[in-house]
Every structure is written in structure tokens, then in C-alpha cells.
Amino acid sequence: MSQSRHVPVMLQRCLDMLAPALTEPGAVVVDCTLGLGGHSEALLTRFFEARLVALDRDKEALRLSGERLAPFGDRATLVHAVYDELPEVLDRLGIPRVQGVLFDLGVSSMQLDEADRGFAYAQDAPLDMRMDQTTGISAAEVLNTYPPGELVRILRAYGEEKQAKRIVSAVVREREKEPFSNSARLVELIRDSLPQAAKRTGGNPAKRTFQALRIEVNGELSVLERAIPAAVKALAVGGRIAVLSYHSLEDRLVKQVFAAGAATTAPPGLPVVPERYQPRLKLLTRGAELPTEEEVAENRRAAPARLRGAQRIREDAE
């Protein structure tokens, strides 16, 4: 597959946001979502005295980006890990604190473009959707074995699918005849079970269900719930974090962690706020920043992106 297809989303904005923290020699920046290495390559190129630690749970992504980042030699350390394992990874590498952290939470282009991974609803493929194919259960297993109530919950919570009940009753009926194995059959079933009005809005009607299955299979939200606070904790004072989210559930989670860090924890009514109650973070974005119209025109995958950033301004209270 060609690297040229992969355009990192909001790249310039992410680099500019992290830049003030990465100019000192020996600064460490963590790319928590390496993918094909587009963001990582740009970080190493622009901040030529920085060291990069990059994580990915997908071994194929690590192999491809390893080739891409080989020219940077030992400035780049690539690790097979899920991003909530960041504290253990830094501990193993003997890095107490880092100056920058980047998360790009989109499904990597490679996973979407490789038909046999089953992420894309546009082509028929085995319903797998695991980002790390060496572990965990596939999307087909979720569809074939989860109780109906649990499937409805997943589609509503992770896909924000209003027609969850209709889709699930069709899935349950069909899986009794024959278990699901491929994406085309699921896409067709979703189309058939939606009312006309629901099919006319918001692109492919299967999109929300596929998103929900992907989040469930990879435990994405529970991983993220652990990962964002861990990343904030890993930042040195003055360090910066930038997070690109692609749906409201992720964005809400990031917003909550940043808002909590940027708020005072003092009881109300204190005339002077003691140091231990002062905010730990300063927000670098007002709300979430969106990609420009030009960027969306060039890269349709950028359309749903939301960027939030924060800077560490104090140590945690003891």
C-alpha cells in the first residue's frame, strides 16, 4: 500500500500546538497512535533534537512505520503496546517525564484500506475489526454471541444509533439461521431494517453500527478513559498534550479530563487558594478546534476531527 494516500489530519496545527514544549535538546515526545507514522515523521523532522517514543497495538502498522522512520535511527523508539500502557512503557524505557504527547484517535488509514481487516463497510470482508489481530474477540463474535440487550446498548452508546432496536432484532433473527462472518451481509441487513427516512440522512446507514462494533471489539473508550489521565500525569511541567478525536464520545472524554485538570479543586469561599488546589493544566484550545474547509476538501477523513490541547502548569498535589 502506498504511504502517499495517508495524509495526517490537522498535522500543522498539532505540531504548532506541541512546539513550545519540544524545542529543548533531549525533549521526549510520545506518539500514542503511531499508525503509518505520518505524525511521528513530522515530529522528528521538525523537532530535530527531540526523541520520539511511539506506540501502536497493530503489528503491521509498527512494521510499516518502522521502515518509514528508519532514517531517524535511535531517535525513534517504537513499541507494541496499547496506549493506556503508556506508564509501563515509559517506566521500562527509564523516562520519568515527557515534554509532549499526541493522540490521533482515528482508525488508521491502513486498517480502513486493507479489505481483509473488516473495518470498512464499503467492501465485503471478514468481520474482524481487531486493531491487534493477535488478541481479543472479533466483530463477528460480538454479533453472533452477545445477548440482544447488550447489542442494543453498544449500538446506542458507541454508535449513537437511534434505530438500534430494529437493527438488533434483525441481527438476532438472522444469526439464528446462519452466524455472521462477512461485512456485506451486515450492511445489507442494516439497509433492509431501517425506515426510509433514516436512510436518507448521514451517509452510509451502516456507518454507526460499524463504529459501535469497532469501539466494542477494541475496548476503545475504556482504554481512552485510562490513557488520557495517564498521559497528562506523564507530562513534565511545561509539557503539552494534543488529542484528535473523531466522534463525540471520545471528544467528551478528553474534554472532561482536561476540564478537571484546568479547574481549581479548592472548597468554595477561600480568600486565597492554596497551591495544592491550583489547576494542574492550562487549556490550549477554546472548545474543540475543527479542521479547515480546505483540509476537509483535500482529506475527507479529516471532516469529523476535533482537536483539544492542554499544557501542564503544575505538579500534582502531594
Protein backbone atom coordinates (compact mmCIF):
# COMPACT_ATOMS: atom_id res chain seq x y z
CA MET A 1 0.00 0.00 0.00
CA SER A 2 1.30 3.47 -0.74
CA GLN A 3 2.24 5.90 2.01
CA SER A 4 1.16 8.83 -0.13
CA ARG A 5 -2.52 8.13 0.47
CA HIS A 6 -2.10 8.70 4.17
CA VAL A 7 -2.46 12.40 5.00
CA PRO A 8 -2.15 13.04 8.75
CA VAL A 9 -5.13 15.05 9.98
CA MET A 10 -4.55 18.64 11.21
CA LEU A 11 -0.82 17.96 11.13
CA GLN A 12 0.44 21.55 11.11
CA ARG A 13 -1.88 22.58 13.92
CA CYS A 14 -0.76 19.63 16.10
CA LEU A 15 2.92 20.45 15.51
CA ASP A 16 2.38 24.13 16.33
CA MET A 17 0.49 23.24 19.50
CA LEU A 18 3.28 20.98 20.78
CA ALA A 19 6.16 23.14 19.51
CA PRO A 20 6.77 25.36 22.59
CA ALA A 21 7.47 22.23 24.67
CA LEU A 22 9.73 20.43 22.18
CA THR A 23 12.49 22.89 21.33
CA GLU A 24 14.93 21.92 24.11
CA PRO A 25 17.56 19.25 23.30
CA GLY A 26 16.56 15.87 24.71
CA ALA A 27 12.83 16.65 24.83
CA VAL A 28 10.76 13.46 24.60
CA VAL A 29 7.52 13.36 22.61
CA VAL A 30 5.15 10.40 22.65
CA ASP A 31 3.00 9.50 19.65
CA CYS A 32 0.39 7.27 21.31
CA THR A 33 -1.20 6.29 17.99
CA LEU A 34 1.66 5.64 15.57
CA GLY A 35 -0.36 4.20 12.67
CA LEU A 36 1.59 4.69 9.47
CA GLY A 37 3.93 7.16 11.14
CA GLY A 38 2.82 10.38 9.42
CA HIS A 39 2.62 12.43 12.61
CA SER A 40 5.77 10.78 14.02
CA GLU A 41 7.81 11.51 10.91
CA ALA A 42 6.72 15.15 11.02
CA LEU A 43 7.57 15.44 14.74
CA LEU A 44 11.08 14.03 14.23
CA THR A 45 11.67 16.23 11.19
CA ARG A 46 10.54 19.47 12.78
CA PHE A 47 11.95 18.96 16.29
CA PHE A 48 15.36 17.66 15.31
CA GLU A 49 16.72 17.48 18.87
CA ALA A 50 13.70 15.63 20.24
CA ARG A 51 13.41 11.93 20.91
CA LEU A 52 10.24 10.05 19.93
CA VAL A 53 8.50 7.17 21.67
CA ALA A 54 5.66 5.76 19.55
CA LEU A 55 3.06 3.15 20.47
CA ASP A 56 0.73 1.02 18.38
CA ARG A 57 -1.19 -2.17 19.06
CA ASP A 58 -1.13 -3.15 15.38
CA LYS A 59 1.99 -5.13 14.45
CA GLU A 60 1.60 -4.44 10.74
CA ALA A 61 1.49 -0.68 11.42
CA LEU A 62 4.67 -0.98 13.51
CA ARG A 63 6.43 -2.80 10.68
CA LEU A 64 5.46 -0.25 8.02
CA SER A 65 6.17 2.81 10.14
CA GLY A 66 9.44 1.23 11.28
CA GLU A 67 10.60 1.32 7.65
CA ARG A 68 9.41 4.90 7.30
CA LEU A 69 11.16 6.10 10.47
CA ALA A 70 14.38 4.08 9.98
CA PRO A 71 16.32 7.16 8.72
CA PHE A 72 15.91 8.75 12.18
CA GLY A 73 17.89 5.94 13.80
CA ASP A 74 17.80 5.72 17.59
CA ARG A 75 15.83 8.97 17.96
CA ALA A 76 12.71 6.85 17.38
CA THR A 77 11.65 4.05 19.74
CA LEU A 78 8.64 2.05 18.52
CA VAL A 79 6.71 -0.09 20.98
CA HIS A 80 3.97 -2.71 20.51
CA ALA A 81 1.50 -1.53 23.15
CA VAL A 82 -2.00 -0.17 23.65
CA TYR A 83 -1.88 3.49 24.62
CA ASP A 84 -3.21 3.00 28.14
CA GLU A 85 0.04 1.09 28.77
CA LEU A 86 1.99 4.37 28.46
CA PRO A 87 3.11 4.48 32.15
CA GLU A 88 4.61 0.95 31.91
CA VAL A 89 6.29 1.74 28.58
CA LEU A 90 7.93 4.92 29.93
CA ASP A 91 8.93 3.08 33.08
CA ARG A 92 10.63 0.33 31.06
CA LEU A 93 12.47 2.94 28.98
CA GLY A 94 13.56 4.82 32.12
CA ILE A 95 11.80 8.04 31.10
CA PRO A 96 10.27 9.73 34.18
CA ARG A 97 8.52 12.61 32.37
CA VAL A 98 7.86 13.66 28.78
CA GLN A 99 7.51 17.06 27.12
CA GLY A 100 4.85 16.25 24.51
CA VAL A 101 2.07 13.71 23.89
CA LEU A 102 -0.01 13.29 20.74
CA PHE A 103 -3.12 11.12 20.26
CA ASP A 104 -4.79 10.69 16.87
CA LEU A 105 -7.77 8.51 17.70
CA GLY A 106 -8.96 7.82 14.16
CA VAL A 107 -8.84 4.33 12.70
CA SER A 108 -5.58 4.21 10.79
CA SER A 109 -5.83 4.55 7.03
CA MET A 110 -4.12 1.21 6.68
CA GLN A 111 -6.83 -0.58 8.63
CA LEU A 112 -9.54 1.07 6.55
CA ASP A 113 -7.75 0.43 3.27
CA GLU A 114 -6.87 -3.22 3.87
CA ALA A 115 -10.03 -5.02 2.85
CA ASP A 116 -9.46 -8.18 4.88
CA ARG A 117 -9.47 -6.37 8.22
CA GLY A 118 -13.24 -5.77 8.03
CA PHE A 119 -13.25 -2.15 9.26
CA ALA A 120 -14.77 -0.68 6.12
CA TYR A 121 -18.42 -1.08 5.21
CA ALA A 122 -17.80 -0.16 1.56
CA GLN A 123 -16.38 -3.56 0.63
CA ASP A 124 -17.12 -7.13 1.64
CA ALA A 125 -14.63 -8.53 4.16
CA PRO A 126 -14.46 -10.82 7.19
CA LEU A 127 -15.99 -9.06 10.22
CA ASP A 128 -12.83 -8.82 12.29
CA MET A 129 -12.11 -5.17 13.29
CA ARG A 130 -9.42 -6.03 15.84
CA MET A 131 -6.61 -3.47 15.78
CA ASP A 132 -4.31 -6.09 17.26
CA GLN A 133 -5.15 -9.31 15.43
CA THR A 134 -3.19 -11.43 17.88
CA THR A 135 -5.68 -10.99 20.70
CA GLY A 136 -9.32 -10.48 21.69
CA ILE A 137 -12.64 -11.28 20.03
CA SER A 138 -13.72 -10.27 16.53
CA ALA A 139 -16.73 -8.21 15.47
CA ALA A 140 -18.35 -11.38 14.11
CA GLU A 141 -18.15 -12.99 17.57
CA VAL A 142 -19.74 -9.91 19.15
CA LEU A 143 -22.62 -10.04 16.64
CA ASN A 144 -23.12 -13.78 16.95
CA THR A 145 -22.84 -14.24 20.72
CA TYR A 146 -23.82 -11.07 22.62
CA PRO A 147 -27.31 -11.01 24.15
CA PRO A 148 -29.74 -8.71 22.27
CA GLY A 149 -29.93 -6.18 25.13
CA GLU A 150 -26.15 -5.83 25.18
CA LEU A 151 -26.01 -5.31 21.39
CA VAL A 152 -28.68 -2.59 21.63
CA ARG A 153 -26.67 -0.89 24.40
CA ILE A 154 -23.48 -0.95 22.31
CA LEU A 155 -25.14 0.44 19.17
CA ARG A 156 -26.80 3.22 21.15
CA ALA A 157 -23.84 4.13 23.35
CA TYR A 158 -20.98 3.76 20.86
CA GLY A 159 -22.73 4.34 17.53
CA GLU A 160 -25.41 6.79 18.70
CA GLU A 161 -27.69 4.68 16.50
CA LYS A 162 -31.34 5.64 17.01
CA GLN A 163 -32.56 2.52 15.19
CA ALA A 164 -30.55 0.14 17.41
CA LYS A 165 -33.55 -1.99 18.39
CA ARG A 166 -34.64 -2.58 14.79
CA ILE A 167 -31.12 -3.48 13.69
CA VAL A 168 -30.52 -5.82 16.62
CA SER A 169 -33.80 -7.69 16.20
CA ALA A 170 -32.87 -8.27 12.55
CA VAL A 171 -29.35 -9.41 13.57
CA VAL A 172 -30.75 -11.84 16.17
CA ARG A 173 -33.23 -13.27 13.67
CA GLU A 174 -30.55 -13.73 11.00
CA ARG A 175 -27.80 -15.10 13.22
CA GLU A 176 -30.06 -17.99 14.22
CA LYS A 177 -30.27 -19.02 10.56
CA GLU A 178 -26.55 -18.60 9.99
CA PRO A 179 -23.82 -16.85 12.03
CA PHE A 180 -22.40 -13.62 10.64
CA SER A 181 -18.94 -13.77 9.10
CA ASN A 182 -18.72 -11.03 6.46
CA SER A 183 -19.44 -7.32 6.36
CA ALA A 184 -21.61 -7.23 3.19
CA ARG A 185 -24.36 -9.30 4.80
CA LEU A 186 -24.44 -6.98 7.81
CA VAL A 187 -24.54 -3.84 5.62
CA GLU A 188 -27.44 -5.30 3.62
CA LEU A 189 -29.34 -6.27 6.78
CA ILE A 190 -28.93 -2.73 8.19
CA ARG A 191 -30.20 -1.19 4.95
CA ASP A 192 -33.21 -3.50 4.96
CA SER A 193 -34.12 -2.88 8.57
CA LEU A 194 -34.04 0.93 8.57
CA PRO A 195 -37.11 3.03 7.78
CA GLN A 196 -36.87 5.08 4.55
CA ALA A 197 -36.37 8.40 6.34
CA ALA A 198 -33.37 7.10 8.30
CA LYS A 199 -31.62 6.02 5.09
CA ARG A 200 -31.69 9.49 3.62
CA THR A 201 -29.50 11.13 6.26
CA GLY A 202 -25.86 10.98 7.22
CA GLY A 203 -24.07 8.88 4.61
CA ASN A 204 -23.88 5.09 4.68
CA PRO A 205 -26.55 3.73 7.04
CA ALA A 206 -24.10 1.07 8.28
CA LYS A 207 -21.56 3.62 9.48
CA ARG A 208 -22.84 3.97 13.04
CA THR A 209 -23.14 0.22 13.61
CA PHE A 210 -19.61 -0.40 12.31
CA GLN A 211 -18.26 2.36 14.57
CA ALA A 212 -20.03 0.82 17.57
CA LEU A 213 -18.66 -2.67 16.84
CA ARG A 214 -15.14 -1.33 16.36
CA ILE A 215 -15.23 0.52 19.69
CA GLU A 216 -16.53 -2.59 21.49
CA VAL A 217 -14.06 -5.01 19.88
CA ASN A 218 -11.07 -2.84 20.73
CA GLY A 219 -12.33 -1.57 24.10
CA GLU A 220 -11.54 1.90 22.78
CA LEU A 221 -13.43 4.04 25.28
CA SER A 222 -12.32 2.15 28.38
CA VAL A 223 -8.73 2.28 27.09
CA LEU A 224 -9.06 6.01 26.43
CA GLU A 225 -10.53 6.62 29.89
CA ARG A 226 -7.30 5.27 31.37
CA ALA A 227 -4.95 6.64 28.71
CA ILE A 228 -5.71 10.38 28.76
CA PRO A 229 -5.23 10.83 32.55
CA ALA A 230 -2.07 8.66 32.36
CA ALA A 231 -0.69 10.84 29.55
CA VAL A 232 -1.42 14.04 31.49
CA LYS A 233 0.35 12.53 34.51
CA ALA A 234 3.41 11.70 32.36
CA LEU A 235 3.85 15.33 31.27
CA ALA A 236 6.61 17.40 32.82
CA VAL A 237 5.64 20.91 33.92
CA GLY A 238 5.53 22.95 30.70
CA GLY A 239 4.76 19.79 28.70
CA ARG A 240 1.88 19.77 26.22
CA ILE A 241 -0.70 17.24 25.03
CA ALA A 242 -2.73 17.33 21.80
CA VAL A 243 -5.65 14.95 21.16
CA LEU A 244 -7.52 14.43 17.88
CA SER A 245 -10.92 12.75 18.33
CA TYR A 246 -13.36 11.66 15.65
CA HIS A 247 -16.66 11.19 17.44
CA SER A 248 -18.48 12.89 20.27
CA LEU A 249 -17.89 10.09 22.80
CA GLU A 250 -14.11 10.39 22.52
CA ASP A 251 -14.20 14.18 22.45
CA ARG A 252 -16.40 14.32 25.56
CA LEU A 253 -14.00 12.11 27.46
CA VAL A 254 -10.98 14.25 26.53
CA LYS A 255 -12.89 17.42 27.37
CA GLN A 256 -13.78 16.09 30.84
CA VAL A 257 -10.19 15.13 31.72
CA PHE A 258 -8.80 18.47 30.50
CA ALA A 259 -11.55 20.49 32.21
CA ALA A 260 -10.96 18.70 35.52
CA GLY A 261 -7.22 19.38 35.29
CA ALA A 262 -7.79 23.05 34.46
CA ALA A 263 -10.21 23.65 37.34
CA THR A 264 -9.37 24.62 40.89
CA THR A 265 -10.18 21.91 43.45
CA ALA A 266 -10.45 24.36 46.34
CA PRO A 267 -13.53 24.37 48.56
CA PRO A 268 -15.63 27.45 47.69
CA GLY A 269 -15.15 30.63 49.70
CA LEU A 270 -11.40 30.51 50.39
CA PRO A 271 -9.99 34.06 50.20
CA VAL A 272 -6.65 32.72 48.87
CA VAL A 273 -6.42 29.41 47.00
CA PRO A 274 -3.53 27.33 48.41
CA GLU A 275 -1.05 25.85 45.92
CA ARG A 276 -2.36 22.29 46.32
CA TYR A 277 -5.79 23.30 44.97
CA GLN A 278 -4.49 25.25 41.97
CA PRO A 279 -5.24 23.94 38.45
CA ARG A 280 -2.67 21.48 37.01
CA LEU A 281 -3.49 22.23 33.38
CA LYS A 282 -4.00 25.22 31.13
CA LEU A 283 -6.29 24.66 28.14
CA LEU A 284 -4.70 25.46 24.77
CA THR A 285 -7.94 25.32 22.77
CA ARG A 286 -11.21 27.14 23.29
CA GLY A 287 -13.63 24.28 22.96
CA ALA A 288 -12.52 21.86 20.26
CA GLU A 289 -10.75 23.13 17.13
CA LEU A 290 -12.04 21.90 13.78
CA PRO A 291 -10.16 21.24 10.54
CA THR A 292 -10.29 23.98 7.89
CA GLU A 293 -12.59 23.69 4.89
CA GLU A 294 -9.51 23.35 2.66
CA GLU A 295 -8.24 20.42 4.68
CA VAL A 296 -11.58 18.63 4.59
CA ALA A 297 -11.71 19.16 0.82
CA GLU A 298 -8.27 17.52 0.49
CA ASN A 299 -8.78 14.75 3.04
CA ARG A 300 -12.33 13.59 3.69
CA ARG A 301 -11.17 11.61 6.75
CA ALA A 302 -10.44 14.93 8.46
CA ALA A 303 -14.10 16.02 8.40
CA PRO A 304 -15.20 14.76 11.85
CA ALA A 305 -11.90 15.60 13.60
CA ARG A 306 -11.88 17.63 16.82
CA LEU A 307 -8.61 18.84 18.33
CA ARG A 308 -8.07 19.71 22.00
CA GLY A 309 -4.82 20.66 23.70
CA ALA A 310 -3.58 21.33 27.20
CA GLN A 311 -0.37 22.34 28.94
CA ARG A 312 0.89 21.06 32.27
CA ILE A 313 1.43 24.10 34.52
CA ARG A 314 1.93 22.45 37.94
CA GLU A 315 2.89 19.23 39.61
CA ASP A 316 0.13 17.14 41.19
CA ALA A 317 -0.59 17.95 44.82
CA GLU A 318 1.13 15.52 47.14
